Protein backbone atom coordinates (compact mmCIF):
# COMPACT_ATOMS: atom_id res chain seq x y z
CA UNK A 1 -0.06 0.08 0.01
CA UNK A 2 1.49 3.29 -1.10
CA UNK A 3 -0.12 5.80 1.25
CA UNK A 4 -2.46 5.68 4.34
CA UNK A 5 -4.18 8.53 5.78
CA UNK A 6 -4.18 8.57 9.73
CA UNK A 7 -6.81 10.93 10.95
CA UNK A 8 -6.51 12.09 14.44
CA UNK A 9 -10.00 12.30 16.12
CA UNK A 10 -9.41 11.32 19.71
CA UNK A 11 -9.39 14.86 21.27
CA UNK A 12 -12.02 16.41 23.42
CA UNK A 13 -11.70 19.90 21.78
CA UNK A 14 -12.21 21.98 25.16
CA UNK A 15 -11.91 25.21 23.57
CA UNK A 16 -14.59 24.55 20.94
CA UNK A 17 -16.93 22.64 23.32
CA UNK A 18 -18.86 25.38 25.12
CA UNK A 19 -21.30 25.53 22.29
CA UNK A 20 -21.16 21.83 21.50
CA UNK A 21 -22.86 18.77 22.78
CA UNK A 22 -20.12 16.52 21.40
CA UNK A 23 -16.46 16.65 20.41
CA UNK A 24 -15.98 19.10 17.63
CA UNK A 25 -14.86 16.39 15.11
CA UNK A 26 -18.41 15.09 15.41
CA UNK A 27 -20.22 18.35 15.42
CA UNK A 28 -22.64 19.06 12.58
CA UNK A 29 -21.22 21.21 9.74
CA UNK A 30 -23.39 22.11 6.95
CA UNK A 31 -25.51 19.10 7.59
CA UNK A 32 -22.59 16.49 7.97
CA UNK A 33 -20.31 15.85 10.88
CA UNK A 34 -16.89 17.62 10.60
CA UNK A 35 -15.21 14.18 10.36
CA UNK A 36 -17.28 13.19 7.37
CA UNK A 37 -16.16 16.37 5.57
CA UNK A 38 -12.33 15.45 6.31
CA UNK A 39 -12.68 11.82 5.36
CA UNK A 40 -14.31 12.72 2.19
CA UNK A 41 -11.49 14.96 1.14
CA UNK A 42 -9.00 11.97 1.49
CA UNK A 43 -11.43 9.52 0.02
CA UNK A 44 -11.05 11.89 -3.19
CA UNK A 45 -7.27 11.43 -3.27
CA UNK A 46 -6.29 8.48 -5.60
CA UNK A 47 -2.86 8.15 -3.91
CA UNK A 48 -4.54 7.29 -0.70
CA UNK A 49 -5.21 3.58 -0.56
CA UNK A 50 -6.82 3.54 3.09
CA UNK A 51 -7.83 5.89 5.71
CA UNK A 52 -7.45 4.98 9.61
CA UNK A 53 -9.14 7.11 12.31
CA UNK A 54 -7.89 7.24 15.70
CA UNK A 55 -10.81 7.78 18.01
CA UNK A 56 -11.47 8.28 21.88
CA UNK A 57 -12.66 4.97 23.42
CA UNK A 58 -15.87 6.95 24.42
CA UNK A 59 -16.71 7.98 20.89
CA UNK A 60 -17.39 4.60 19.24
CA UNK A 61 -21.17 5.32 18.74
CA UNK A 62 -20.51 8.72 17.59
CA UNK A 63 -17.71 7.51 15.10
CA UNK A 64 -20.00 5.00 13.63
CA UNK A 65 -22.92 7.36 13.15
CA UNK A 66 -20.55 9.86 11.48
CA UNK A 67 -18.79 7.58 9.09
CA UNK A 68 -21.42 5.35 7.72
CA UNK A 69 -21.08 5.39 3.84
CA UNK A 70 -18.51 8.17 3.80
CA UNK A 71 -15.74 6.14 2.22
CA UNK A 72 -14.82 2.66 0.88
CA UNK A 73 -11.28 3.22 2.00
CA UNK A 74 -12.20 3.34 5.64
CA UNK A 75 -10.34 0.72 7.83
CA UNK A 76 -11.63 -0.07 11.49
CA UNK A 77 -10.84 2.66 13.90
CA UNK A 78 -7.92 2.68 16.36
CA UNK A 79 -8.52 3.76 19.85
CA UNK A 80 -6.26 6.77 21.01
CA UNK A 81 -4.46 7.72 24.10
CA UNK A 82 -4.29 10.45 26.72
CA UNK A 83 -2.66 12.99 24.48
CA UNK A 84 -2.37 13.79 20.67
CA UNK A 85 1.11 12.43 20.52
CA UNK A 86 0.12 9.06 22.13
CA UNK A 87 -2.84 8.70 19.82
CA UNK A 88 -0.64 9.19 16.71
CA UNK A 89 1.80 6.55 17.93
CA UNK A 90 -0.98 4.24 18.57
CA UNK A 91 -2.27 4.66 15.26
CA UNK A 92 1.13 4.17 13.72
CA UNK A 93 1.67 1.03 15.47
CA UNK A 94 -1.64 -0.28 14.34
CA UNK A 95 -0.49 0.28 10.79
CA UNK A 96 2.99 -1.53 11.34
CA UNK A 97 1.46 -4.89 10.03
CA UNK A 98 0.35 -3.26 6.65
CA UNK A 99 3.59 -1.38 6.54
CA UNK A 100 2.61 1.44 3.95
CA UNK A 101 5.13 3.31 2.23
CA UNK A 102 3.95 6.82 3.27
CA UNK A 103 1.70 8.01 6.09
CA UNK A 104 -0.28 11.20 5.99
CA UNK A 105 -1.14 12.50 9.53
CA UNK A 106 -4.15 14.75 9.67
CA UNK A 107 -6.24 16.50 12.08
CA UNK A 108 -9.88 15.56 12.11
CA UNK A 109 -10.75 19.11 12.69
CA UNK A 110 -9.43 20.43 9.40
CA UNK A 111 -12.17 19.75 7.12
CA UNK A 112 -11.18 22.11 4.37
CA UNK A 113 -8.02 19.94 3.26
CA UNK A 114 -8.10 19.39 -0.52
CA UNK A 115 -6.81 16.59 -2.59
CA UNK A 116 -4.39 19.18 -4.19
CA UNK A 117 -2.63 19.91 -0.64
CA UNK A 118 -2.27 16.11 -0.06
CA UNK A 119 -0.72 15.60 -3.48
CA UNK A 120 1.85 18.22 -2.88
CA UNK A 121 2.65 16.72 0.54
CA UNK A 122 3.17 13.37 -1.05
CA UNK A 123 5.04 14.46 -3.97
CA UNK A 124 7.65 15.98 -1.44
CA UNK A 125 7.96 12.69 0.12
CA UNK A 126 10.02 11.50 -3.17
CA UNK A 127 12.88 13.69 -1.89
CA UNK A 128 12.48 14.10 1.84
CA UNK A 129 11.55 12.05 4.72
CA UNK A 130 8.86 14.14 5.82
CA UNK A 131 6.76 17.04 4.43
CA UNK A 132 4.05 19.12 5.91
CA UNK A 133 1.47 21.57 4.63
CA UNK A 134 2.22 25.11 5.64
CA UNK A 135 1.81 28.80 5.06
CA UNK A 136 4.38 31.66 5.21
CA UNK A 137 3.46 33.92 8.23
CA UNK A 138 2.28 37.21 6.96
CA UNK A 139 1.41 38.89 10.28
CA UNK A 140 3.89 40.82 12.41
CA UNK A 141 4.70 38.92 15.54
CA UNK A 142 5.04 40.48 18.86
CA UNK A 143 6.42 38.99 22.10
CA UNK A 144 4.71 40.07 25.34
CA UNK A 145 6.45 40.96 28.59
CA UNK A 146 4.15 38.91 30.81
CA UNK A 147 1.95 41.78 31.57
CA UNK A 148 0.07 42.24 28.31
CA UNK A 149 2.56 44.78 26.89
CA UNK A 150 4.86 44.42 24.15
CA UNK A 151 8.42 43.20 24.89
CA UNK A 152 9.72 43.00 21.35
CA UNK A 153 8.85 42.51 17.80
CA UNK A 154 9.80 38.95 16.41
CA UNK A 155 11.05 38.90 13.00
CA UNK A 156 8.73 36.98 10.69
CA UNK A 157 11.08 36.03 7.97
CA UNK A 158 11.30 32.30 7.40
CA UNK A 159 8.37 31.64 9.66
CA UNK A 160 5.67 29.45 8.65
CA UNK A 161 2.24 28.30 10.19
CA UNK A 162 2.28 24.48 10.33
CA UNK A 163 -0.90 22.81 8.99
CA UNK A 164 -1.74 19.14 8.39
CA UNK A 165 -1.49 16.69 6.59
CA UNK A 166 1.87 15.93 7.54
CA UNK A 167 3.41 13.29 5.54
CA UNK A 168 6.32 10.91 6.24
CA UNK A 169 7.94 7.83 5.06
CA UNK A 170 6.25 5.21 7.52
CA UNK A 171 9.25 3.47 8.98
CA UNK A 172 10.93 6.78 9.83
CA UNK A 173 7.98 8.42 11.63
CA UNK A 174 7.01 5.13 13.66
CA UNK A 175 10.54 4.85 14.69
CA UNK A 176 10.52 8.52 15.78
CA UNK A 177 7.59 8.17 17.80
CA UNK A 178 8.45 5.10 19.60
CA UNK A 179 11.81 6.66 20.37
CA UNK A 180 10.19 9.57 21.70
CA UNK A 181 7.90 7.52 23.87
CA UNK A 182 10.76 5.48 25.17
CA UNK A 183 12.50 8.66 26.01
CA UNK A 184 9.59 9.97 27.98
CA UNK A 185 9.18 12.88 25.70
CA UNK A 186 5.53 14.02 25.55
CA UNK A 187 5.83 17.71 24.90
CA UNK A 188 5.75 17.70 21.06
CA UNK A 189 3.03 19.76 19.40
CA UNK A 190 2.89 18.22 16.19
CA UNK A 191 4.57 15.28 14.22
CA UNK A 192 6.97 17.28 12.43
CA UNK A 193 8.56 18.36 15.61
CA UNK A 194 9.23 14.68 16.49
CA UNK A 195 10.62 14.32 13.02
CA UNK A 196 13.01 17.12 13.50
CA UNK A 197 14.01 15.95 16.95
CA UNK A 198 14.82 12.48 15.44
CA UNK A 199 16.87 14.25 12.76
CA UNK A 200 14.56 13.68 9.76
CA UNK A 201 14.65 16.29 7.14
CA UNK A 202 11.10 17.65 6.78
CA UNK A 203 9.86 19.86 3.72
CA UNK A 204 7.42 22.69 3.67
CA UNK A 205 4.85 22.51 1.04
CA UNK A 206 2.13 25.24 0.48
CA UNK A 207 -1.08 24.67 2.41
CA UNK A 208 -3.98 27.15 2.36
CA UNK A 209 -5.39 29.70 4.57
CA UNK A 210 -8.76 27.92 4.13
CA UNK A 211 -7.16 24.72 5.46
CA UNK A 212 -7.48 25.95 9.25
CA UNK A 213 -8.18 23.79 12.21
CA UNK A 214 -11.62 24.25 14.19
CA UNK A 215 -10.46 25.21 17.42
CA UNK A 216 -13.07 27.68 18.90
CA UNK A 217 -16.89 28.29 18.45
CA UNK A 218 -16.08 31.15 16.29
CA UNK A 219 -14.16 28.70 13.92
CA UNK A 220 -17.21 26.53 13.78
CA UNK A 221 -19.30 29.44 12.78
CA UNK A 222 -16.75 30.77 10.19
CA UNK A 223 -16.61 27.02 8.74
CA UNK A 224 -20.53 27.13 8.50
CA UNK A 225 -20.52 30.04 6.53
CA UNK A 226 -17.82 28.80 4.12
CA UNK A 227 -19.80 25.58 3.38
CA UNK A 228 -23.09 27.50 3.41
CA UNK A 229 -22.48 30.87 2.01
CA UNK A 230 -25.28 33.30 3.23
CA UNK A 231 -26.77 34.56 0.21
CA UNK A 232 -29.12 37.29 0.82
CA UNK A 233 -32.89 36.89 0.58
CA UNK A 234 -34.30 38.93 -1.97
CA UNK A 235 -37.73 40.29 -2.33
CA UNK A 236 -38.88 41.17 -5.88
CA UNK A 237 -40.46 44.43 -6.41
CA UNK A 238 -42.26 45.94 -9.57
CA UNK A 239 -43.25 49.66 -10.09
CA UNK A 240 -44.99 51.17 -12.82
CA UNK A 241 -44.91 54.78 -14.36
CA UNK A 242 -46.82 56.83 -16.90
CA UNK A 243 -46.37 60.27 -18.17
CA UNK A 244 -47.34 62.49 -21.15
CA UNK A 245 -46.08 65.67 -22.75
CA UNK A 246 -47.55 67.99 -25.19
CA UNK A 247 -45.70 69.13 -28.22
CA UNK A 248 -44.79 72.72 -28.64
CA UNK A 249 -42.37 74.89 -30.82
CA UNK A 250 -39.03 73.54 -31.26
CA UNK A 251 -36.67 71.64 -33.23
CA UNK A 252 -35.88 68.66 -31.02
CA UNK A 253 -37.17 66.47 -28.31
CA UNK A 254 -35.59 64.45 -25.73
CA UNK A 255 -36.67 60.83 -25.48
CA UNK A 256 -35.08 58.38 -23.28
CA UNK A 257 -31.97 60.50 -22.66
CA UNK A 258 -31.31 60.90 -26.37
CA UNK A 259 -31.83 64.29 -28.33
CA UNK A 260 -33.90 63.49 -31.26
CA UNK A 261 -34.28 66.03 -34.24
CA UNK A 262 -38.02 66.82 -34.70
CA UNK A 263 -40.02 69.72 -36.08
CA UNK A 264 -41.50 70.35 -32.75
CA UNK A 265 -40.45 70.35 -28.92
CA UNK A 266 -41.91 68.92 -25.74
CA UNK A 267 -43.58 71.31 -23.40
CA UNK A 268 -42.44 70.87 -19.75
CA UNK A 269 -40.61 72.39 -16.77
CA UNK A 270 -37.60 70.08 -17.47
CA UNK A 271 -36.49 68.76 -20.69
CA UNK A 272 -40.02 67.02 -20.95
CA UNK A 273 -38.35 63.55 -21.55
CA UNK A 274 -41.64 61.48 -21.11
CA UNK A 275 -39.88 57.97 -21.10
CA UNK A 276 -37.61 59.09 -18.47
CA UNK A 277 -40.19 60.52 -16.30
CA UNK A 278 -42.28 57.38 -16.35
CA UNK A 279 -39.21 55.29 -15.79
CA UNK A 280 -38.41 57.60 -12.62
CA UNK A 281 -41.96 56.83 -11.30
CA UNK A 282 -41.56 53.12 -11.86
CA UNK A 283 -38.25 53.03 -10.16
CA UNK A 284 -39.73 54.97 -7.08
CA UNK A 285 -42.88 52.80 -7.06
CA UNK A 286 -40.97 49.60 -6.87
CA UNK A 287 -39.56 50.89 -3.42
CA UNK A 288 -42.53 52.75 -2.39
CA UNK A 289 -40.71 56.20 -2.20
CA UNK A 290 -43.19 58.61 -3.62
CA UNK A 291 -43.04 59.90 -7.17
CA UNK A 292 -41.18 62.39 -9.43
CA UNK A 293 -43.41 65.31 -8.49
CA UNK A 294 -42.70 64.73 -4.79
CA UNK A 295 -39.05 64.65 -5.27
CA UNK A 296 -38.53 67.24 -8.15
CA UNK A 297 -41.81 69.51 -7.89
CA UNK A 298 -42.27 71.47 -11.16
CA UNK A 299 -42.83 74.59 -8.94
CA UNK A 300 -39.15 74.38 -7.97
CA UNK A 301 -37.16 76.64 -10.29
CA UNK A 302 -33.89 74.57 -9.56
CA UNK A 303 -35.46 71.86 -12.05
CA UNK A 304 -36.21 74.24 -14.92
CA UNK A 305 -34.86 72.92 -18.09
CA UNK A 306 -33.07 70.15 -16.10
CA UNK A 307 -31.88 66.94 -17.80
CA UNK A 308 -34.39 64.01 -16.74
CA UNK A 309 -31.52 61.75 -16.48
CA UNK A 310 -30.91 63.38 -13.08
CA UNK A 311 -34.37 62.15 -11.77
CA UNK A 312 -33.56 58.49 -13.13
CA UNK A 313 -30.21 58.70 -11.43
CA UNK A 314 -31.57 60.05 -8.24
CA UNK A 315 -34.18 57.09 -8.10
CA UNK A 316 -31.25 54.69 -8.78
CA UNK A 317 -29.38 55.91 -5.77
CA UNK A 318 -32.48 55.59 -3.71
CA UNK A 319 -32.58 51.81 -4.67
CA UNK A 320 -28.82 51.39 -4.05
CA UNK A 321 -29.20 53.02 -0.50
CA UNK A 322 -31.69 50.25 0.44
CA UNK A 323 -29.36 47.63 -0.62
CA UNK A 324 -31.56 47.05 -3.78
CA UNK A 325 -30.72 45.87 -7.36
CA UNK A 326 -32.42 46.88 -10.64
CA UNK A 327 -32.85 43.82 -12.59
CA UNK A 328 -34.87 44.98 -15.77
CA UNK A 329 -36.69 48.10 -17.03
CA UNK A 330 -39.26 48.01 -19.70
CA UNK A 331 -40.44 51.28 -21.61
CA UNK A 332 -42.96 51.83 -24.20
CA UNK A 333 -43.22 55.10 -26.15
CA UNK A 334 -46.68 55.96 -27.67
CA UNK A 335 -46.45 58.58 -30.56
CA UNK A 336 -47.06 58.86 -34.12
CA UNK A 337 -43.82 60.77 -34.52
CA UNK A 338 -40.82 60.99 -34.32
CA UNK A 339 -39.92 57.20 -35.30
CA UNK A 340 -38.36 55.59 -32.14
CA UNK A 341 -36.82 52.57 -34.09
CA UNK A 342 -33.73 54.35 -35.33
CA UNK A 343 -32.95 55.79 -31.90
CA UNK A 344 -33.72 52.40 -29.85
CA UNK A 345 -30.24 51.15 -29.35
CA UNK A 346 -29.02 54.79 -28.27
CA UNK A 347 -32.04 55.15 -25.87
CA UNK A 348 -31.32 51.68 -24.30
CA UNK A 349 -27.51 52.41 -23.89
CA UNK A 350 -28.23 55.67 -22.29
CA UNK A 351 -30.72 54.26 -19.82
CA UNK A 352 -28.39 51.47 -18.97
CA UNK A 353 -25.71 54.08 -18.33
CA UNK A 354 -28.01 55.96 -15.92
CA UNK A 355 -28.84 52.91 -13.89
CA UNK A 356 -25.38 51.17 -14.07
CA UNK A 357 -26.92 47.90 -15.48
CA UNK A 358 -26.40 45.86 -18.58
CA UNK A 359 -27.96 47.08 -21.63
CA UNK A 360 -29.67 43.64 -21.96
CA UNK A 361 -31.72 44.61 -18.83
CA UNK A 362 -33.30 47.59 -20.82
CA UNK A 363 -36.23 47.20 -23.16
CA UNK A 364 -37.46 49.94 -25.13
CA UNK A 365 -40.56 49.58 -27.35
CA UNK A 366 -42.62 52.02 -29.48
CA UNK A 367 -46.33 51.85 -30.78
CA UNK A 368 -48.79 54.30 -32.15
CA UNK A 369 -52.60 54.51 -31.05
CA UNK A 370 -53.90 54.06 -34.66
CA UNK A 371 -54.43 57.86 -34.96
CA UNK A 372 -56.73 57.93 -31.98
CA UNK A 373 -56.56 60.20 -29.09
CA UNK A 374 -54.22 63.02 -28.63
CA UNK A 375 -51.12 60.90 -29.69
CA UNK A 376 -53.02 59.92 -32.63
CA UNK A 377 -53.57 63.57 -33.54
CA UNK A 378 -49.88 64.24 -32.87
CA UNK A 379 -50.57 66.38 -29.99
CA UNK A 380 -47.90 64.80 -27.62
CA UNK A 381 -46.19 61.92 -26.55
CA UNK A 382 -46.95 59.28 -23.92
CA UNK A 383 -44.75 56.78 -22.25
CA UNK A 384 -45.30 53.56 -19.99
CA UNK A 385 -42.51 52.24 -17.93
CA UNK A 386 -42.12 49.09 -15.70
CA UNK A 387 -39.14 48.45 -13.36
CA UNK A 388 -38.41 45.31 -11.51
CA UNK A 389 -36.11 45.75 -8.38
CA UNK A 390 -34.82 43.33 -5.87
CA UNK A 391 -34.66 44.32 -2.39
CA UNK A 392 -32.93 42.48 0.45
CA UNK A 393 -35.24 40.95 3.19
């Protein structure tokens, strides 16, 4: 057998236990026990031929419930000891008969290990007696003076944060653990430290920041968020708008933010852009925030001759301030003239720019009233608008 994964799951997890009713390796995480996530990662590694879990003697039932159907590579569990170091040694000794070439020692409470990390550790064992996943330290280190004050800054150059898996050539790490036990050394914090003490050369290979160990209740909460990203719940809102403006003397009209040459103008306090006025009301209606006349009263000289895109942009800002998103807008222009078709793409692009959305979310249509009514008599223009907005719940 080329490689065996030895998963250490015998700990009590005291720092994580205050919010848990069982050891953290059996705690539910995104609908599955933490241990099940960890085992699944090693099950996906082709180079791992078997998986052995070292458990606490009191956790037999928890282990059985957590591992049913998880992996066909899973061998019977091994009962651990009073410390992590002893549990690893007992696991290694249980593997002596199988005598694998390599062993990967991994914390059960690191459920975010990936097959890529495992592969990097195993590859390093071609040239080293041991290899561990690790990350270069990026934070500045401070040593305290024993009274919660800084005594000195510790240079971080060359410092790494050790992770697991920690891989070794099996005979070498078994011998190192047995020797440490015989010498009464029980103070090692990881298997790489025992390997170093025994004179083995251990390589550092890139781990991942996500490959963190679940140690505190806050770690459990972070892991839950990573596995179950909190996507906002959205409430769809729809608003409608309608506006009309009469023709007057002039040589152009503003429609949808585009200036279109015409033998008449449109009468209004601002630029009389009926489609944009209708759109403004549709956007405001979708969030229940009044109407265009409330926010930009025609009696206010400040809006005399104003470009109507200002009104649309203001409505869009109101939606953004509520955390909302504009998903699409739909405009219909009712007029006999001017012809809207030649300007449709320009209008769509202008509106998309005002709202900060893709042009594909803007629809512009035009129709006549078959010469009926004031638009049919070429007395003015009417516009209808619909806007769909998503607001967070």
